[in-house]
């Protein structure tokens, strides 16, 4: 499930223009991952949307059971992270960073790393098709996995560490 997007675009589809960033074309914008405080993902996404920043917070549905009831809850697919679409200029980055609960842009060697549009689209597709997914924090480097179910059914992958990546 997609929780937030551009203002007036609650369905999570890509917006046609760059809201809140005058003078930029939608094509000049890139997606960036941002780190948030623990359990602040939804609050950060809402604040950014209020500021006119296009956001994407992928959510997964989970049933929580208590002794007296069951409830469907929406949890972030990537706890502690959300995605923002911006031009990457210093003033735009500063406006994003001045959001309560937002820690930083995901970066490498001090430079914010953009997320390819195709990866965002694939995430949206997986969520739109309601492919069951869960977190697997115990994968080891080099471990091979096979995707079972959904549009990526049958794909094989393995986890790798990037060369020169900070540990």
C-alpha atoms as a PDB file:
ATOM      1  CA  UNK A   1       0.000   0.000   0.000  1.00  0.00           C
ATOM      2  CA  UNK A   2       1.221   3.500  -0.775  1.00  0.00           C
ATOM      3  CA  UNK A   3       0.525   6.001   1.947  1.00  0.00           C
ATOM      4  CA  UNK A   4       1.478   9.364   0.552  1.00  0.00           C
ATOM      5  CA  UNK A   5       2.196  11.126  -2.699  1.00  0.00           C
ATOM      6  CA  UNK A   6       1.898  14.607  -4.076  1.00  0.00           C
ATOM      7  CA  UNK A   7      -0.813  16.856  -2.600  1.00  0.00           C
ATOM      8  CA  UNK A   8      -4.157  16.095  -4.206  1.00  0.00           C
ATOM      9  CA  UNK A   9      -2.835  12.756  -5.428  1.00  0.00           C
ATOM     10  CA  UNK A  10      -3.743  10.401  -2.598  1.00  0.00           C
ATOM     11  CA  UNK A  11      -3.592   7.197  -4.647  1.00  0.00           C
ATOM     12  CA  UNK A  12       0.178   7.074  -4.778  1.00  0.00           C
ATOM     13  CA  UNK A  13       0.415   7.547  -8.538  1.00  0.00           C
ATOM     14  CA  UNK A  14       3.124   9.784  -9.925  1.00  0.00           C
ATOM     15  CA  UNK A  15       2.095  13.422 -10.090  1.00  0.00           C
ATOM     16  CA  UNK A  16       2.021  15.325 -13.388  1.00  0.00           C
ATOM     17  CA  UNK A  17       3.932  18.325 -12.113  1.00  0.00           C
ATOM     18  CA  UNK A  18       6.462  19.189  -9.457  1.00  0.00           C
ATOM     19  CA  UNK A  19       4.356  20.635  -6.662  1.00  0.00           C
ATOM     20  CA  UNK A  20       6.030  23.161  -4.446  1.00  0.00           C
ATOM     21  CA  UNK A  21       9.084  23.560  -6.649  1.00  0.00           C
ATOM     22  CA  UNK A  22       8.420  26.392  -9.069  1.00  0.00           C
ATOM     23  CA  UNK A  23      10.325  26.470 -12.317  1.00  0.00           C
ATOM     24  CA  UNK A  24      11.266  22.792 -12.405  1.00  0.00           C
ATOM     25  CA  UNK A  25       9.996  20.201 -14.804  1.00  0.00           C
ATOM     26  CA  UNK A  26       8.807  16.880 -13.453  1.00  0.00           C
ATOM     27  CA  UNK A  27      11.549  15.111 -15.452  1.00  0.00           C
ATOM     28  CA  UNK A  28      14.285  17.076 -13.621  1.00  0.00           C
ATOM     29  CA  UNK A  29      13.256  15.522 -10.309  1.00  0.00           C
ATOM     30  CA  UNK A  30      14.790  12.394  -8.817  1.00  0.00           C
ATOM     31  CA  UNK A  31      13.751  10.087  -6.020  1.00  0.00           C
ATOM     32  CA  UNK A  32      15.853   9.990  -2.855  1.00  0.00           C
ATOM     33  CA  UNK A  33      15.597   7.803   0.229  1.00  0.00           C
ATOM     34  CA  UNK A  34      15.457   9.653   3.530  1.00  0.00           C
ATOM     35  CA  UNK A  35      16.061   8.236   6.979  1.00  0.00           C
ATOM     36  CA  UNK A  36      13.505   8.987   9.663  1.00  0.00           C
ATOM     37  CA  UNK A  37      13.321   8.501  13.392  1.00  0.00           C
ATOM     38  CA  UNK A  38      11.954   5.128  14.477  1.00  0.00           C
ATOM     39  CA  UNK A  39       8.163   5.013  14.036  1.00  0.00           C
ATOM     40  CA  UNK A  40       8.097   8.528  12.523  1.00  0.00           C
ATOM     41  CA  UNK A  41       7.770   7.436   8.882  1.00  0.00           C
ATOM     42  CA  UNK A  42       4.079   8.328   8.491  1.00  0.00           C
ATOM     43  CA  UNK A  43       4.436  11.630  10.357  1.00  0.00           C
ATOM     44  CA  UNK A  44       7.426  12.652   8.228  1.00  0.00           C
ATOM     45  CA  UNK A  45       5.642  11.712   4.990  1.00  0.00           C
ATOM     46  CA  UNK A  46       2.576  13.731   5.998  1.00  0.00           C
ATOM     47  CA  UNK A  47       4.660  16.798   6.924  1.00  0.00           C
ATOM     48  CA  UNK A  48       6.547  16.614   3.627  1.00  0.00           C
ATOM     49  CA  UNK A  49       3.293  16.338   1.701  1.00  0.00           C
ATOM     50  CA  UNK A  50       2.012  19.411   3.560  1.00  0.00           C
ATOM     51  CA  UNK A  51       5.152  21.240   2.391  1.00  0.00           C
ATOM     52  CA  UNK A  52       4.348  20.255  -1.204  1.00  0.00           C
ATOM     53  CA  UNK A  53       7.076  17.610  -1.490  1.00  0.00           C
ATOM     54  CA  UNK A  54       6.126  14.453  -3.370  1.00  0.00           C
ATOM     55  CA  UNK A  55       6.646  11.476  -1.074  1.00  0.00           C
ATOM     56  CA  UNK A  56       6.359   7.713  -1.315  1.00  0.00           C
ATOM     57  CA  UNK A  57       6.019   5.579   1.782  1.00  0.00           C
ATOM     58  CA  UNK A  58       5.556   1.916   0.884  1.00  0.00           C
ATOM     59  CA  UNK A  59       3.409   0.165   3.467  1.00  0.00           C
ATOM     60  CA  UNK A  60       2.634  -3.488   4.096  1.00  0.00           C
ATOM     61  CA  UNK A  61      -0.516  -4.767   5.748  1.00  0.00           C
ATOM     62  CA  UNK A  62      -0.206  -6.953   8.814  1.00  0.00           C
ATOM     63  CA  UNK A  63      -2.776  -8.399  11.184  1.00  0.00           C
ATOM     64  CA  UNK A  64      -2.034  -7.720  14.843  1.00  0.00           C
ATOM     65  CA  UNK A  65      -3.788  -9.941  17.351  1.00  0.00           C
ATOM     66  CA  UNK A  66      -4.507  -9.003  20.930  1.00  0.00           C
ATOM     67  CA  UNK A  67      -6.356 -11.089  23.504  1.00  0.00           C
ATOM     68  CA  UNK A  68      -9.595  -9.200  22.826  1.00  0.00           C
ATOM     69  CA  UNK A  69      -9.378  -8.241  19.134  1.00  0.00           C
ATOM     70  CA  UNK A  70      -7.585  -8.387  15.799  1.00  0.00           C
ATOM     71  CA  UNK A  71      -6.722  -5.355  13.713  1.00  0.00           C
ATOM     72  CA  UNK A  72      -5.194  -4.745  10.289  1.00  0.00           C
ATOM     73  CA  UNK A  73      -2.289  -2.323  10.609  1.00  0.00           C
ATOM     74  CA  UNK A  74      -0.191  -0.648   7.944  1.00  0.00           C
ATOM     75  CA  UNK A  75       3.528  -0.828   8.643  1.00  0.00           C
ATOM     76  CA  UNK A  76       6.380   0.664   6.636  1.00  0.00           C
ATOM     77  CA  UNK A  77       7.949  -1.815   4.233  1.00  0.00           C
ATOM     78  CA  UNK A  78      11.323  -0.232   5.089  1.00  0.00           C
ATOM     79  CA  UNK A  79      11.181   0.825   8.753  1.00  0.00           C
ATOM     80  CA  UNK A  80      12.950   4.128   9.324  1.00  0.00           C
ATOM     81  CA  UNK A  81      12.892   5.189   5.662  1.00  0.00           C
ATOM     82  CA  UNK A  82      10.697   7.010   3.148  1.00  0.00           C
ATOM     83  CA  UNK A  83      11.241   8.342  -0.366  1.00  0.00           C
ATOM     84  CA  UNK A  84      11.058  11.946  -1.577  1.00  0.00           C
ATOM     85  CA  UNK A  85      11.112  13.351  -5.086  1.00  0.00           C
ATOM     86  CA  UNK A  86      13.112  16.552  -5.418  1.00  0.00           C
ATOM     87  CA  UNK A  87      15.550  18.284  -7.727  1.00  0.00           C
ATOM     88  CA  UNK A  88      18.436  17.676  -5.309  1.00  0.00           C
ATOM     89  CA  UNK A  89      19.426  21.350  -5.158  1.00  0.00           C
ATOM     90  CA  UNK A  90      20.686  22.603  -1.779  1.00  0.00           C
ATOM     91  CA  UNK A  91      17.619  24.763  -1.073  1.00  0.00           C
ATOM     92  CA  UNK A  92      15.246  21.865  -1.842  1.00  0.00           C
ATOM     93  CA  UNK A  93      17.289  19.486   0.289  1.00  0.00           C
ATOM     94  CA  UNK A  94      17.296  21.982   3.166  1.00  0.00           C
ATOM     95  CA  UNK A  95      13.509  22.318   2.963  1.00  0.00           C
ATOM     96  CA  UNK A  96      13.190  18.517   3.181  1.00  0.00           C
ATOM     97  CA  UNK A  97      15.736  18.250   6.007  1.00  0.00           C
ATOM     98  CA  UNK A  98      13.832  20.849   8.062  1.00  0.00           C
ATOM     99  CA  UNK A  99      11.120  18.283   8.742  1.00  0.00           C
ATOM    100  CA  UNK A 100      10.559  17.075  12.293  1.00  0.00           C
ATOM    101  CA  UNK A 101      11.520  13.420  12.614  1.00  0.00           C
ATOM    102  CA  UNK A 102      13.623  13.343   9.446  1.00  0.00           C
ATOM    103  CA  UNK A 103      17.259  12.465  10.094  1.00  0.00           C
ATOM    104  CA  UNK A 104      19.036  12.711   6.738  1.00  0.00           C
ATOM    105  CA  UNK A 105      19.164  11.792   3.091  1.00  0.00           C
ATOM    106  CA  UNK A 106      20.630   8.356   2.442  1.00  0.00           C
ATOM    107  CA  UNK A 107      24.070   9.212   1.118  1.00  0.00           C
ATOM    108  CA  UNK A 108      27.394   7.799   0.101  1.00  0.00           C
ATOM    109  CA  UNK A 109      30.589   9.752   0.714  1.00  0.00           C
ATOM    110  CA  UNK A 110      28.482  12.731   1.783  1.00  0.00           C
ATOM    111  CA  UNK A 111      26.425  12.854  -1.431  1.00  0.00           C
ATOM    112  CA  UNK A 112      22.724  11.979  -1.487  1.00  0.00           C
ATOM    113  CA  UNK A 113      22.169   8.917  -3.644  1.00  0.00           C
ATOM    114  CA  UNK A 114      19.202   8.994  -5.992  1.00  0.00           C
ATOM    115  CA  UNK A 115      16.935   5.975  -6.332  1.00  0.00           C
ATOM    116  CA  UNK A 116      16.230   4.989  -9.946  1.00  0.00           C
ATOM    117  CA  UNK A 117      12.668   5.720 -11.091  1.00  0.00           C
ATOM    118  CA  UNK A 118      12.362   2.102 -12.245  1.00  0.00           C
ATOM    119  CA  UNK A 119      12.895   0.813  -8.692  1.00  0.00           C
ATOM    120  CA  UNK A 120      10.153   3.086  -7.353  1.00  0.00           C
ATOM    121  CA  UNK A 121       7.829   1.909 -10.139  1.00  0.00           C
ATOM    122  CA  UNK A 122       8.573  -1.749  -9.323  1.00  0.00           C
ATOM    123  CA  UNK A 123       7.843  -1.134  -5.644  1.00  0.00           C
ATOM    124  CA  UNK A 124       4.553   0.531  -6.588  1.00  0.00           C
ATOM    125  CA  UNK A 125       3.711  -2.442  -8.837  1.00  0.00           C
ATOM    126  CA  UNK A 126       4.451  -4.978  -6.102  1.00  0.00           C
ATOM    127  CA  UNK A 127       2.297  -3.055  -3.639  1.00  0.00           C
ATOM    128  CA  UNK A 128      -0.524  -2.509  -6.137  1.00  0.00           C
ATOM    129  CA  UNK A 129      -0.640  -6.261  -6.830  1.00  0.00           C
ATOM    130  CA  UNK A 130      -0.681  -6.911  -3.085  1.00  0.00           C
ATOM    131  CA  UNK A 131       2.232  -9.313  -3.282  1.00  0.00           C
ATOM    132  CA  UNK A 132       2.714 -10.703   0.226  1.00  0.00           C
ATOM    133  CA  UNK A 133       6.021  -9.568   1.635  1.00  0.00           C
ATOM    134  CA  UNK A 134       7.774  -9.578   4.957  1.00  0.00           C
ATOM    135  CA  UNK A 135      11.079  -8.480   6.380  1.00  0.00           C
ATOM    136  CA  UNK A 136      13.973 -10.957   6.470  1.00  0.00           C
ATOM    137  CA  UNK A 137      16.733  -9.407   8.569  1.00  0.00           C
ATOM    138  CA  UNK A 138      18.736 -12.611   8.792  1.00  0.00           C
ATOM    139  CA  UNK A 139      19.970 -12.853   5.199  1.00  0.00           C
ATOM    140  CA  UNK A 140      23.723 -13.248   4.925  1.00  0.00           C
ATOM    141  CA  UNK A 141      26.020 -11.730   2.313  1.00  0.00           C
ATOM    142  CA  UNK A 142      26.058 -13.934  -0.775  1.00  0.00           C
ATOM    143  CA  UNK A 143      23.008 -15.946   0.306  1.00  0.00           C
ATOM    144  CA  UNK A 144      20.906 -16.918  -2.697  1.00  0.00           C
ATOM    145  CA  UNK A 145      17.154 -16.412  -2.565  1.00  0.00           C
ATOM    146  CA  UNK A 146      14.294 -17.270  -4.882  1.00  0.00           C
ATOM    147  CA  UNK A 147      11.181 -15.114  -5.075  1.00  0.00           C
ATOM    148  CA  UNK A 148       8.002 -17.144  -4.741  1.00  0.00           C
ATOM    149  CA  UNK A 149       4.830 -15.443  -5.868  1.00  0.00           C
ATOM    150  CA  UNK A 150       3.924 -12.155  -7.451  1.00  0.00           C
ATOM    151  CA  UNK A 151       5.178 -10.527 -10.613  1.00  0.00           C
ATOM    152  CA  UNK A 152       8.809 -11.448  -9.834  1.00  0.00           C
ATOM    153  CA  UNK A 153       7.964 -15.131  -9.241  1.00  0.00           C
ATOM    154  CA  UNK A 154      10.860 -17.396 -10.092  1.00  0.00           C
ATOM    155  CA  UNK A 155      13.529 -14.698 -10.033  1.00  0.00           C
ATOM    156  CA  UNK A 156      16.728 -15.557  -8.220  1.00  0.00           C
ATOM    157  CA  UNK A 157      18.954 -13.075  -6.453  1.00  0.00           C
ATOM    158  CA  UNK A 158      21.757 -12.890  -3.947  1.00  0.00           C
ATOM    159  CA  UNK A 159      22.793 -10.226  -1.489  1.00  0.00           C
ATOM    160  CA  UNK A 160      26.053  -8.405  -2.140  1.00  0.00           C
ATOM    161  CA  UNK A 161      28.096  -5.782  -0.375  1.00  0.00           C
ATOM    162  CA  UNK A 162      29.092  -2.822  -2.498  1.00  0.00           C
ATOM    163  CA  UNK A 163      32.816  -2.324  -2.890  1.00  0.00           C
ATOM    164  CA  UNK A 164      34.086   0.525  -0.690  1.00  0.00           C
ATOM    165  CA  UNK A 165      30.672   0.728   1.032  1.00  0.00           C
ATOM    166  CA  UNK A 166      30.730   1.960   4.599  1.00  0.00           C
ATOM    167  CA  UNK A 167      30.042  -0.856   7.062  1.00  0.00           C
END
